[in-house]
Amino acid sequence: RLPGRQRDMVATMRGDGGSDYDESVKGRFTISRDTVKNSWYL
C-alpha cells in the first residue's frame, strides 16, 4: 500500500512455481519460497 493508494500486487508465486511481477518492480524484486518452511521471500 503506497501512500494514497490501495493495496496493490507486487509479486506473486503460484503453487507450480510460476511468478508474476508488477511492471514497476520487474528486474529489481524477486519472489522466492521455501516450501518446507512454508515461507516466502521478497
PDB file of all heavy atoms in Angstrom:
ATOM      1  N   ARG A   1       0.878  -1.174   0.000  1.00  0.00           N
ATOM      2  CA  ARG A   1       0.000   0.000   0.000  1.00  0.00           C
ATOM      3  C   ARG A   1       0.910   1.217   0.000  1.00  0.00           C
ATOM      4  O   ARG A   1       1.553   1.517   1.017  1.00  0.00           O
ATOM      5  CB  ARG A   1      -0.930   0.002   1.198  1.00  0.00           C
ATOM      6  CG  ARG A   1      -1.831   1.236   1.240  1.00  0.00           C
ATOM      7  CD  ARG A   1      -2.849   1.149   2.342  1.00  0.00           C
ATOM      8  NE  ARG A   1      -3.947   0.281   1.987  1.00  0.00           N
ATOM      9  CZ  ARG A   1      -4.383  -0.727   2.744  1.00  0.00           C
ATOM     10  NH1 ARG A   1      -3.807  -0.983   3.892  1.00  0.00           N
ATOM     11  NH2 ARG A   1      -5.399  -1.454   2.350  1.00  0.00           N
ATOM     12  N   LEU A   2       0.992   1.836  -1.131  1.00  0.00           N
ATOM     13  CA  LEU A   2       1.770   3.074  -1.238  1.00  0.00           C
ATOM     14  C   LEU A   2       0.934   4.227  -0.718  1.00  0.00           C
ATOM     15  O   LEU A   2      -0.301   4.124  -0.678  1.00  0.00           O
ATOM     16  CB  LEU A   2       2.178   3.296  -2.690  1.00  0.00           C
ATOM     17  CG  LEU A   2       2.971   2.159  -3.356  1.00  0.00           C
ATOM     18  CD1 LEU A   2       3.316   2.531  -4.789  1.00  0.00           C
ATOM     19  CD2 LEU A   2       4.219   1.829  -2.573  1.00  0.00           C
ATOM     20  N   PRO A   3       1.555   5.327  -0.315  1.00  0.00           N
ATOM     21  CA  PRO A   3       0.798   6.467   0.222  1.00  0.00           C
ATOM     22  C   PRO A   3      -0.300   6.921  -0.730  1.00  0.00           C
ATOM     23  O   PRO A   3      -0.061   7.161  -1.917  1.00  0.00           O
ATOM     24  CB  PRO A   3       1.878   7.543   0.386  1.00  0.00           C
ATOM     25  CG  PRO A   3       3.134   6.775   0.612  1.00  0.00           C
ATOM     26  CD  PRO A   3       3.010   5.552  -0.244  1.00  0.00           C
ATOM     27  N   GLY A   4      -1.518   6.984  -0.221  1.00  0.00           N
ATOM     28  CA  GLY A   4      -2.640   7.450  -1.025  1.00  0.00           C
ATOM     29  C   GLY A   4      -3.177   6.429  -2.007  1.00  0.00           C
ATOM     30  O   GLY A   4      -4.047   6.760  -2.823  1.00  0.00           O
ATOM     31  N   ARG A   5      -2.668   5.206  -1.941  1.00  0.00           N
ATOM     32  CA  ARG A   5      -3.100   4.180  -2.890  1.00  0.00           C
ATOM     33  C   ARG A   5      -3.737   3.019  -2.150  1.00  0.00           C
ATOM     34  O   ARG A   5      -3.572   2.831  -0.956  1.00  0.00           O
ATOM     35  CB  ARG A   5      -1.894   3.661  -3.668  1.00  0.00           C
ATOM     36  CG  ARG A   5      -1.154   4.690  -4.499  1.00  0.00           C
ATOM     37  CD  ARG A   5      -1.785   4.889  -5.851  1.00  0.00           C
ATOM     38  NE  ARG A   5      -1.955   3.659  -6.580  1.00  0.00           N
ATOM     39  CZ  ARG A   5      -1.075   3.175  -7.456  1.00  0.00           C
ATOM     40  NH1 ARG A   5       0.053   3.841  -7.688  1.00  0.00           N
ATOM     41  NH2 ARG A   5      -1.330   2.055  -8.108  1.00  0.00           N
ATOM     42  N   GLN A   6      -4.469   2.204  -2.878  1.00  0.00           N
ATOM     43  CA  GLN A   6      -4.988   0.971  -2.313  1.00  0.00           C
ATOM     44  C   GLN A   6      -3.878  -0.076  -2.336  1.00  0.00           C
ATOM     45  O   GLN A   6      -2.818   0.138  -2.912  1.00  0.00           O
ATOM     46  CB  GLN A   6      -6.185   0.483  -3.111  1.00  0.00           C
ATOM     47  CG  GLN A   6      -5.844   0.101  -4.556  1.00  0.00           C
ATOM     48  CD  GLN A   6      -7.065  -0.328  -5.338  1.00  0.00           C
ATOM     49  OE1 GLN A   6      -8.206  -0.073  -4.947  1.00  0.00           O
ATOM     50  NE2 GLN A   6      -6.854  -0.991  -6.451  1.00  0.00           N
ATOM     51  N   ARG A   7      -4.151  -1.218  -1.736  1.00  0.00           N
ATOM     52  CA  ARG A   7      -3.157  -2.288  -1.720  1.00  0.00           C
ATOM     53  C   ARG A   7      -3.068  -2.918  -3.104  1.00  0.00           C
ATOM     54  O   ARG A   7      -4.070  -3.354  -3.666  1.00  0.00           O
ATOM     55  CB  ARG A   7      -3.542  -3.322  -0.663  1.00  0.00           C
ATOM     56  CG  ARG A   7      -2.529  -4.428  -0.471  1.00  0.00           C
ATOM     57  CD  ARG A   7      -2.701  -5.120   0.868  1.00  0.00           C
ATOM     58  NE  ARG A   7      -4.055  -5.531   1.139  1.00  0.00           N
ATOM     59  CZ  ARG A   7      -4.467  -5.985   2.325  1.00  0.00           C
ATOM     60  NH1 ARG A   7      -3.606  -6.072   3.333  1.00  0.00           N
ATOM     61  NH2 ARG A   7      -5.716  -6.332   2.493  1.00  0.00           N
ATOM     62  N   ASP A   8      -1.865  -2.980  -3.640  1.00  0.00           N
ATOM     63  CA  ASP A   8      -1.634  -3.494  -4.988  1.00  0.00           C
ATOM     64  C   ASP A   8      -0.666  -4.660  -4.964  1.00  0.00           C
ATOM     65  O   ASP A   8       0.183  -4.767  -4.068  1.00  0.00           O
ATOM     66  CB  ASP A   8      -1.048  -2.398  -5.891  1.00  0.00           C
ATOM     67  CG  ASP A   8      -2.008  -1.250  -6.122  1.00  0.00           C
ATOM     68  OD1 ASP A   8      -3.201  -1.521  -6.356  1.00  0.00           O
ATOM     69  OD2 ASP A   8      -1.565  -0.082  -6.070  1.00  0.00           O
ATOM     70  N   MET A   9      -0.767  -5.498  -5.978  1.00  0.00           N
ATOM     71  CA  MET A   9       0.131  -6.638  -6.100  1.00  0.00           C
ATOM     72  C   MET A   9       1.529  -6.181  -6.443  1.00  0.00           C
ATOM     73  O   MET A   9       1.714  -5.310  -7.295  1.00  0.00           O
ATOM     74  CB  MET A   9      -0.398  -7.593  -7.161  1.00  0.00           C
ATOM     75  CG  MET A   9       0.397  -8.892  -7.310  1.00  0.00           C
ATOM     76  SD  MET A   9       1.812  -8.805  -8.428  1.00  0.00           S
ATOM     77  CE  MET A   9       0.975  -8.869 -10.017  1.00  0.00           C
ATOM     78  N   VAL A  10       2.527  -6.767  -5.791  1.00  0.00           N
ATOM     79  CA  VAL A  10       3.926  -6.542  -6.122  1.00  0.00           C
ATOM     80  C   VAL A  10       4.474  -7.756  -6.855  1.00  0.00           C
ATOM     81  O   VAL A  10       5.045  -7.641  -7.935  1.00  0.00           O
ATOM     82  CB  VAL A  10       4.758  -6.270  -4.857  1.00  0.00           C
ATOM     83  CG1 VAL A  10       6.233  -6.118  -5.199  1.00  0.00           C
ATOM     84  CG2 VAL A  10       4.252  -5.031  -4.134  1.00  0.00           C
ATOM     85  N   ALA A  11       4.319  -8.924  -6.250  1.00  0.00           N
ATOM     86  CA  ALA A  11       4.818 -10.166  -6.839  1.00  0.00           C
ATOM     87  C   ALA A  11       4.023 -11.322  -6.275  1.00  0.00           C
ATOM     88  O   ALA A  11       3.677 -11.315  -5.093  1.00  0.00           O
ATOM     89  CB  ALA A  11       6.308 -10.353  -6.545  1.00  0.00           C
ATOM     90  N   THR A  12       3.744 -12.292  -7.122  1.00  0.00           N
ATOM     91  CA  THR A  12       3.047 -13.491  -6.672  1.00  0.00           C
ATOM     92  C   THR A  12       3.732 -14.734  -7.227  1.00  0.00           C
ATOM     93  O   THR A  12       4.389 -14.682  -8.273  1.00  0.00           O
ATOM     94  CB  THR A  12       1.575 -13.499  -7.107  1.00  0.00           C
ATOM     95  OG1 THR A  12       1.503 -13.399  -8.536  1.00  0.00           O
ATOM     96  CG2 THR A  12       0.791 -12.359  -6.478  1.00  0.00           C
ATOM     97  N   MET A  13       3.552 -15.827  -6.500  1.00  0.00           N
ATOM     98  CA  MET A  13       4.072 -17.108  -6.959  1.00  0.00           C
ATOM     99  C   MET A  13       2.984 -18.154  -6.813  1.00  0.00           C
ATOM    100  O   MET A  13       2.392 -18.293  -5.731  1.00  0.00           O
ATOM    101  CB  MET A  13       5.320 -17.509  -6.166  1.00  0.00           C
ATOM    102  CG  MET A  13       5.896 -18.850  -6.602  1.00  0.00           C
ATOM    103  SD  MET A  13       7.486 -19.210  -5.806  1.00  0.00           S
ATOM    104  CE  MET A  13       8.591 -18.176  -6.783  1.00  0.00           C
ATOM    105  N   ARG A  14       2.717 -18.865  -7.884  1.00  0.00           N
ATOM    106  CA  ARG A  14       1.698 -19.898  -7.875  1.00  0.00           C
ATOM    107  C   ARG A  14       2.248 -21.190  -7.280  1.00  0.00           C
ATOM    108  O   ARG A  14       3.461 -21.344  -7.096  1.00  0.00           O
ATOM    109  CB  ARG A  14       1.199 -20.145  -9.295  1.00  0.00           C
ATOM    110  CG  ARG A  14       0.550 -18.913  -9.921  1.00  0.00           C
ATOM    111  CD  ARG A  14       0.056 -19.216 -11.317  1.00  0.00           C
ATOM    112  NE  ARG A  14       1.155 -19.503 -12.241  1.00  0.00           N
ATOM    113  CZ  ARG A  14       1.874 -18.589 -12.859  1.00  0.00           C
ATOM    114  NH1 ARG A  14       1.638 -17.314 -12.633  1.00  0.00           N
ATOM    115  NH2 ARG A  14       2.836 -18.935 -13.680  1.00  0.00           N
ATOM    116  N   GLY A  15       1.368 -22.137  -7.025  1.00  0.00           N
ATOM    117  CA  GLY A  15       1.786 -23.404  -6.464  1.00  0.00           C
ATOM    118  C   GLY A  15       2.769 -24.155  -7.346  1.00  0.00           C
ATOM    119  O   GLY A  15       3.620 -24.902  -6.845  1.00  0.00           O
ATOM    120  N   ASP A  16       2.670 -23.918  -8.681  1.00  0.00           N
ATOM    121  CA  ASP A  16       3.592 -24.615  -9.604  1.00  0.00           C
ATOM    122  C   ASP A  16       4.933 -23.905  -9.732  1.00  0.00           C
ATOM    123  O   ASP A  16       5.794 -24.323 -10.487  1.00  0.00           O
ATOM    124  CB  ASP A  16       2.939 -24.761 -10.986  1.00  0.00           C
ATOM    125  CG  ASP A  16       2.654 -23.415 -11.655  1.00  0.00           C
ATOM    126  OD1 ASP A  16       3.011 -22.373 -11.093  1.00  0.00           O
ATOM    127  OD2 ASP A  16       2.055 -23.420 -12.751  1.00  0.00           O
ATOM    128  N   GLY A  17       5.106 -22.811  -9.009  1.00  0.00           N
ATOM    129  CA  GLY A  17       6.372 -22.090  -9.020  1.00  0.00           C
ATOM    130  C   GLY A  17       6.420 -20.910  -9.967  1.00  0.00           C
ATOM    131  O   GLY A  17       7.391 -20.143  -9.946  1.00  0.00           O
ATOM    132  N   GLY A  18       5.402 -20.760 -10.815  1.00  0.00           N
ATOM    133  CA  GLY A  18       5.380 -19.627 -11.719  1.00  0.00           C
ATOM    134  C   GLY A  18       5.155 -18.327 -10.966  1.00  0.00           C
ATOM    135  O   GLY A  18       4.447 -18.299  -9.955  1.00  0.00           O
ATOM    136  N   SER A  19       5.765 -17.257 -11.439  1.00  0.00           N
ATOM    137  CA  SER A  19       5.682 -15.986 -10.729  1.00  0.00           C
ATOM    138  C   SER A  19       5.254 -14.862 -11.657  1.00  0.00           C
ATOM    139  O   SER A  19       5.423 -14.940 -12.874  1.00  0.00           O
ATOM    140  CB  SER A  19       7.019 -15.649 -10.070  1.00  0.00           C
ATOM    141  OG  SER A  19       8.050 -15.597 -11.028  1.00  0.00           O
ATOM    142  N   ASP A  20       4.709 -13.830 -11.050  1.00  0.00           N
ATOM    143  CA  ASP A  20       4.307 -12.629 -11.766  1.00  0.00           C
ATOM    144  C   ASP A  20       4.753 -11.412 -10.965  1.00  0.00           C
ATOM    145  O   ASP A  20       4.782 -11.464  -9.731  1.00  0.00           O
ATOM    146  CB  ASP A  20       2.788 -12.592 -11.950  1.00  0.00           C
ATOM    147  CG  ASP A  20       2.293 -13.695 -12.856  1.00  0.00           C
ATOM    148  OD1 ASP A  20       2.554 -13.611 -14.075  1.00  0.00           O
ATOM    149  OD2 ASP A  20       1.674 -14.639 -12.340  1.00  0.00           O
ATOM    150  N   TYR A  21       5.037 -10.335 -11.675  1.00  0.00           N
ATOM    151  CA  TYR A  21       5.505  -9.121 -11.034  1.00  0.00           C
ATOM    152  C   TYR A  21       4.766  -7.909 -11.587  1.00  0.00           C
ATOM    153  O   TYR A  21       4.412  -7.865 -12.773  1.00  0.00           O
ATOM    154  CB  TYR A  21       7.003  -8.914 -11.280  1.00  0.00           C
ATOM    155  CG  TYR A  21       7.886  -9.964 -10.660  1.00  0.00           C
ATOM    156  CD1 TYR A  21       8.226 -11.120 -11.348  1.00  0.00           C
ATOM    157  CD2 TYR A  21       8.381  -9.790  -9.377  1.00  0.00           C
ATOM    158  CE1 TYR A  21       9.030 -12.079 -10.775  1.00  0.00           C
ATOM    159  CE2 TYR A  21       9.200 -10.742  -8.790  1.00  0.00           C
ATOM    160  CZ  TYR A  21       9.520 -11.892  -9.496  1.00  0.00           C
ATOM    161  OH  TYR A  21      10.319 -12.842  -8.926  1.00  0.00           O
ATOM    162  N   ASP A  22       4.599  -6.929 -10.723  1.00  0.00           N
ATOM    163  CA  ASP A  22       4.142  -5.639 -11.204  1.00  0.00           C
ATOM    164  C   ASP A  22       5.252  -5.050 -12.069  1.00  0.00           C
ATOM    165  O   ASP A  22       6.439  -5.234 -11.788  1.00  0.00           O
ATOM    166  CB  ASP A  22       3.838  -4.721 -10.020  1.00  0.00           C
ATOM    167  CG  ASP A  22       3.345  -3.373 -10.470  1.00  0.00           C
ATOM    168  OD1 ASP A  22       2.175  -3.282 -10.891  1.00  0.00           O
ATOM    169  OD2 ASP A  22       4.124  -2.407 -10.415  1.00  0.00           O
ATOM    170  N   GLU A  23       4.850  -4.318 -13.107  1.00  0.00           N
ATOM    171  CA  GLU A  23       5.839  -3.763 -14.033  1.00  0.00           C
ATOM    172  C   GLU A  23       6.848  -2.867 -13.332  1.00  0.00           C
ATOM    173  O   GLU A  23       8.015  -2.808 -13.724  1.00  0.00           O
ATOM    174  CB  GLU A  23       5.127  -2.974 -15.131  1.00  0.00           C
ATOM    175  CG  GLU A  23       4.442  -3.835 -16.184  1.00  0.00           C
ATOM    176  CD  GLU A  23       5.432  -4.621 -17.027  1.00  0.00           C
ATOM    177  OE1 GLU A  23       6.551  -4.118 -17.232  1.00  0.00           O
ATOM    178  OE2 GLU A  23       5.093  -5.738 -17.450  1.00  0.00           O
ATOM    179  N   SER A  24       6.419  -2.187 -12.296  1.00  0.00           N
ATOM    180  CA  SER A  24       7.301  -1.220 -11.639  1.00  0.00           C
ATOM    181  C   SER A  24       8.455  -1.870 -10.872  1.00  0.00           C
ATOM    182  O   SER A  24       9.410  -1.181 -10.515  1.00  0.00           O
ATOM    183  CB  SER A  24       6.490  -0.342 -10.687  1.00  0.00           C
ATOM    184  OG  SER A  24       5.992  -1.106  -9.600  1.00  0.00           O
ATOM    185  N   VAL A  25       8.360  -3.169 -10.624  1.00  0.00           N
ATOM    186  CA  VAL A  25       9.410  -3.840  -9.843  1.00  0.00           C
ATOM    187  C   VAL A  25      10.156  -4.904 -10.639  1.00  0.00           C
ATOM    188  O   VAL A  25      11.110  -5.499 -10.123  1.00  0.00           O
ATOM    189  CB  VAL A  25       8.836  -4.467  -8.551  1.00  0.00           C
ATOM    190  CG1 VAL A  25       8.066  -3.430  -7.743  1.00  0.00           C
ATOM    191  CG2 VAL A  25       7.968  -5.683  -8.858  1.00  0.00           C
ATOM    192  N   LYS A  26       9.737  -5.149 -11.868  1.00  0.00           N
ATOM    193  CA  LYS A  26      10.406  -6.172 -12.680  1.00  0.00           C
ATOM    194  C   LYS A  26      11.885  -5.842 -12.833  1.00  0.00           C
ATOM    195  O   LYS A  26      12.252  -4.703 -13.120  1.00  0.00           O
ATOM    196  CB  LYS A  26       9.753  -6.269 -14.055  1.00  0.00           C
ATOM    197  CG  LYS A  26       8.487  -7.103 -14.076  1.00  0.00           C
ATOM    198  CD  LYS A  26       7.959  -7.251 -15.495  1.00  0.00           C
ATOM    199  CE  LYS A  26       6.716  -8.120 -15.517  1.00  0.00           C
ATOM    200  NZ  LYS A  26       6.154  -8.247 -16.890  1.00  0.00           N
ATOM    201  N   GLY A  27      12.722  -6.864 -12.623  1.00  0.00           N
ATOM    202  CA  GLY A  27      14.164  -6.669 -12.725  1.00  0.00           C
ATOM    203  C   GLY A  27      14.808  -6.168 -11.442  1.00  0.00           C
ATOM    204  O   GLY A  27      16.035  -6.152 -11.337  1.00  0.00           O
ATOM    205  N   ARG A  28      14.000  -5.744 -10.471  1.00  0.00           N
ATOM    206  CA  ARG A  28      14.553  -5.247  -9.204  1.00  0.00           C
ATOM    207  C   ARG A  28      14.155  -6.137  -8.021  1.00  0.00           C
ATOM    208  O   ARG A  28      14.923  -6.297  -7.074  1.00  0.00           O
ATOM    209  CB  ARG A  28      14.068  -3.822  -8.924  1.00  0.00           C
ATOM    210  CG  ARG A  28      14.490  -2.811  -9.964  1.00  0.00           C
ATOM    211  CD  ARG A  28      14.167  -1.375  -9.509  1.00  0.00           C
ATOM    212  NE  ARG A  28      12.748  -1.154  -9.309  1.00  0.00           N
ATOM    213  CZ  ARG A  28      12.208  -0.729  -8.171  1.00  0.00           C
ATOM    214  NH1 ARG A  28      12.978  -0.496  -7.119  1.00  0.00           N
ATOM    215  NH2 ARG A  28      10.903  -0.539  -8.081  1.00  0.00           N
ATOM    216  N   PHE A  29      12.949  -6.677  -8.058  1.00  0.00           N
ATOM    217  CA  PHE A  29      12.435  -7.503  -6.966  1.00  0.00           C
ATOM    218  C   PHE A  29      12.352  -8.954  -7.423  1.00  0.00           C
ATOM    219  O   PHE A  29      12.060  -9.236  -8.594  1.00  0.00           O
ATOM    220  CB  PHE A  29      11.050  -7.052  -6.542  1.00  0.00           C
ATOM    221  CG  PHE A  29      10.976  -5.704  -5.885  1.00  0.00           C
ATOM    222  CD1 PHE A  29      12.047  -4.837  -5.841  1.00  0.00           C
ATOM    223  CD2 PHE A  29       9.791  -5.293  -5.291  1.00  0.00           C
ATOM    224  CE1 PHE A  29      11.978  -3.600  -5.236  1.00  0.00           C
ATOM    225  CE2 PHE A  29       9.685  -4.053  -4.672  1.00  0.00           C
ATOM    226  CZ  PHE A  29      10.788  -3.210  -4.655  1.00  0.00           C
ATOM    227  N   THR A  30      12.568  -9.869  -6.486  1.00  0.00           N
ATOM    228  CA  THR A  30      12.476 -11.295  -6.780  1.00  0.00           C
ATOM    229  C   THR A  30      11.721 -12.002  -5.657  1.00  0.00           C
ATOM    230  O   THR A  30      12.090 -11.862  -4.486  1.00  0.00           O
ATOM    231  CB  THR A  30      13.867 -11.928  -6.913  1.00  0.00           C
ATOM    232  OG1 THR A  30      14.623 -11.238  -7.914  1.00  0.00           O
ATOM    233  CG2 THR A  30      13.744 -13.400  -7.311  1.00  0.00           C
ATOM    234  N   ILE A  31      10.704 -12.737  -6.042  1.00  0.00           N
ATOM    235  CA  ILE A  31       9.972 -13.545  -5.069  1.00  0.00           C
ATOM    236  C   ILE A  31      10.531 -14.968  -5.094  1.00  0.00           C
ATOM    237  O   ILE A  31      10.866 -15.495  -6.163  1.00  0.00           O
ATOM    238  CB  ILE A  31       8.457 -13.540  -5.355  1.00  0.00           C
ATOM    239  CG1 ILE A  31       7.695 -14.236  -4.223  1.00  0.00           C
ATOM    240  CG2 ILE A  31       8.127 -14.133  -6.718  1.00  0.00           C
ATOM    241  CD1 ILE A  31       6.173 -14.081  -4.323  1.00  0.00           C
ATOM    242  N   SER A  32      10.654 -15.568  -3.928  1.00  0.00           N
ATOM    243  CA  SER A  32      11.124 -16.947  -3.832  1.00  0.00           C
ATOM    244  C   SER A  32      10.406 -17.609  -2.667  1.00  0.00           C
ATOM    245  O   SER A  32       9.716 -16.936  -1.885  1.00  0.00           O
ATOM    246  CB  SER A  32      12.636 -16.995  -3.640  1.00  0.00           C
ATOM    247  OG  SER A  32      13.019 -16.360  -2.435  1.00  0.00           O
ATOM    248  N   ARG A  33      10.575 -18.902  -2.551  1.00  0.00           N
ATOM    249  CA  ARG A  33       9.863 -19.607  -1.494  1.00  0.00           C
ATOM    250  C   ARG A  33      10.690 -20.769  -0.968  1.00  0.00           C
ATOM    251  O   ARG A  33      11.613 -21.254  -1.624  1.00  0.00           O
ATOM    252  CB  ARG A  33       8.523 -20.147  -2.006  1.00  0.00           C
ATOM    253  CG  ARG A  33       8.691 -21.230  -3.067  1.00  0.00           C
ATOM    254  CD  ARG A  33       7.357 -21.724  -3.574  1.00  0.00           C
ATOM    255  NE  ARG A  33       7.533 -22.745  -4.602  1.00  0.00           N
ATOM    256  CZ  ARG A  33       6.524 -23.348  -5.222  1.00  0.00           C
ATOM    257  NH1 ARG A  33       5.278 -23.029  -4.923  1.00  0.00           N
ATOM    258  NH2 ARG A  33       6.774 -24.263  -6.139  1.00  0.00           N
ATOM    259  N   ASP A  34      10.343 -21.204   0.213  1.00  0.00           N
ATOM    260  CA  ASP A  34      10.870 -22.425   0.809  1.00  0.00           C
ATOM    261  C   ASP A  34       9.645 -23.227   1.226  1.00  0.00           C
ATOM    262  O   ASP A  34       9.027 -22.935   2.268  1.00  0.00           O
ATOM    263  CB  ASP A  34      11.760 -22.085   2.007  1.00  0.00           C
ATOM    264  CG  ASP A  34      12.417 -23.313   2.622  1.00  0.00           C
ATOM    265  OD1 ASP A  34      11.816 -24.414   2.541  1.00  0.00           O
ATOM    266  OD2 ASP A  34      13.496 -23.174   3.188  1.00  0.00           O
ATOM    267  N   THR A  35       9.269 -24.210   0.434  1.00  0.00           N
ATOM    268  CA  THR A  35       8.033 -24.943   0.696  1.00  0.00           C
ATOM    269  C   THR A  35       8.125 -25.776   1.974  1.00  0.00           C
ATOM    270  O   THR A  35       7.112 -26.025   2.623  1.00  0.00           O
ATOM    271  CB  THR A  35       7.683 -25.855  -0.482  1.00  0.00           C
ATOM    272  OG1 THR A  35       8.793 -26.715  -0.760  1.00  0.00           O
ATOM    273  CG2 THR A  35       7.365 -25.042  -1.725  1.00  0.00           C
ATOM    274  N   VAL A  36       9.326 -26.184   2.338  1.00  0.00           N
ATOM    275  CA  VAL A  36       9.484 -26.969   3.567  1.00  0.00           C
ATOM    276  C   VAL A  36       9.151 -26.111   4.784  1.00  0.00           C
ATOM    277  O   VAL A  36       8.523 -26.564   5.742  1.00  0.00           O
ATOM    278  CB  VAL A  36      10.914 -27.531   3.670  1.00  0.00           C
ATOM    279  CG1 VAL A  36      11.126 -28.216   5.018  1.00  0.00           C
ATOM    280  CG2 VAL A  36      11.182 -28.501   2.532  1.00  0.00           C
ATOM    281  N   LYS A  37       9.567 -24.861   4.740  1.00  0.00           N
ATOM    282  CA  LYS A  37       9.332 -23.956   5.864  1.00  0.00           C
ATOM    283  C   LYS A  37       8.013 -23.192   5.728  1.00  0.00           C
ATOM    284  O   LYS A  37       7.694 -22.385   6.604  1.00  0.00           O
ATOM    285  CB  LYS A  37      10.482 -22.950   5.970  1.00  0.00           C
ATOM    286  CG  LYS A  37      11.825 -23.583   6.290  1.00  0.00           C
ATOM    287  CD  LYS A  37      12.911 -22.515   6.379  1.00  0.00           C
ATOM    288  CE  LYS A  37      14.258 -23.131   6.733  1.00  0.00           C
ATOM    289  NZ  LYS A  37      15.327 -22.105   6.813  1.00  0.00           N
ATOM    290  N   ASN A  38       7.263 -23.424   4.635  1.00  0.00           N
ATOM    291  CA  ASN A  38       6.041 -22.636   4.384  1.00  0.00           C
ATOM    292  C   ASN A  38       6.352 -21.142   4.459  1.00  0.00           C
ATOM    293  O   ASN A  38       5.616 -20.367   5.092  1.00  0.00           O
ATOM    294  CB  ASN A  38       4.933 -23.012   5.359  1.00  0.00           C
ATOM    295  CG  ASN A  38       4.275 -24.326   5.006  1.00  0.00           C
ATOM    296  OD1 ASN A  38       4.106 -24.655   3.836  1.00  0.00           O
ATOM    297  ND2 ASN A  38       3.919 -25.105   6.015  1.00  0.00           N
ATOM    298  N   SER A  39       7.444 -20.773   3.836  1.00  0.00           N
ATOM    299  CA  SER A  39       7.897 -19.397   3.859  1.00  0.00           C
ATOM    300  C   SER A  39       8.117 -18.888   2.444  1.00  0.00           C
ATOM    301  O   SER A  39       8.429 -19.669   1.546  1.00  0.00           O
ATOM    302  CB  SER A  39       9.192 -19.267   4.658  1.00  0.00           C
ATOM    303  OG  SER A  39       9.004 -19.621   6.010  1.00  0.00           O
ATOM    304  N   TRP A  40       7.962 -17.601   2.274  1.00  0.00           N
ATOM    305  CA  TRP A  40       8.323 -16.975   1.011  1.00  0.00           C
ATOM    306  C   TRP A  40       8.949 -15.627   1.298  1.00  0.00           C
ATOM    307  O   TRP A  40       8.791 -15.072   2.390  1.00  0.00           O
ATOM    308  CB  TRP A  40       7.152 -16.893   0.044  1.00  0.00           C
ATOM    309  CG  TRP A  40       5.902 -16.214   0.497  1.00  0.00           C
ATOM    310  CD1 TRP A  40       5.495 -14.944   0.190  1.00  0.00           C
ATOM    311  CD2 TRP A  40       4.857 -16.781   1.295  1.00  0.00           C
ATOM    312  NE1 TRP A  40       4.278 -14.709   0.763  1.00  0.00           N
ATOM    313  CE2 TRP A  40       3.857 -15.807   1.433  1.00  0.00           C
ATOM    314  CE3 TRP A  40       4.670 -18.022   1.909  1.00  0.00           C
ATOM    315  CZ2 TRP A  40       2.690 -16.037   2.159  1.00  0.00           C
ATOM    316  CZ3 TRP A  40       3.504 -18.248   2.625  1.00  0.00           C
ATOM    317  CH2 TRP A  40       2.541 -17.262   2.739  1.00  0.00           C
ATOM    318  N   TYR A  41       9.657 -15.143   0.281  1.00  0.00           N
ATOM    319  CA  TYR A  41      10.527 -14.002   0.482  1.00  0.00           C
ATOM    320  C   TYR A  41      10.387 -13.028  -0.667  1.00  0.00           C
ATOM    321  O   TYR A  41       9.998 -13.398  -1.769  1.00  0.00           O
ATOM    322  CB  TYR A  41      11.983 -14.483   0.569  1.00  0.00           C
ATOM    323  CG  TYR A  41      12.161 -15.663   1.503  1.00  0.00           C
ATOM    324  CD1 TYR A  41      12.140 -16.959   1.010  1.00  0.00           C
ATOM    325  CD2 TYR A  41      12.304 -15.469   2.872  1.00  0.00           C
ATOM    326  CE1 TYR A  41      12.258 -18.048   1.861  1.00  0.00           C
ATOM    327  CE2 TYR A  41      12.430 -16.551   3.729  1.00  0.00           C
ATOM    328  CZ  TYR A  41      12.405 -17.837   3.221  1.00  0.00           C
ATOM    329  OH  TYR A  41      12.517 -18.916   4.071  1.00  0.00           O
ATOM    330  N   LEU A  42      10.740 -11.795  -0.398  1.00  0.00           N
ATOM    331  CA  LEU A  42      10.797 -10.780  -1.443  1.00  0.00           C
ATOM    332  C   LEU A  42      12.146 -10.089  -1.324  1.00  0.00           C
ATOM    333  O   LEU A  42      12.380  -9.343  -0.366  1.00  0.00           O
ATOM    334  CB  LEU A  42       9.663  -9.770  -1.314  1.00  0.00           C
ATOM    335  CG  LEU A  42       9.582  -8.758  -2.451  1.00  0.00           C
ATOM    336  CD1 LEU A  42       9.193  -9.450  -3.763  1.00  0.00           C
ATOM    337  CD2 LEU A  42       8.591  -7.637  -2.134  1.00  0.00           C
TER     338      LEU A  42
END
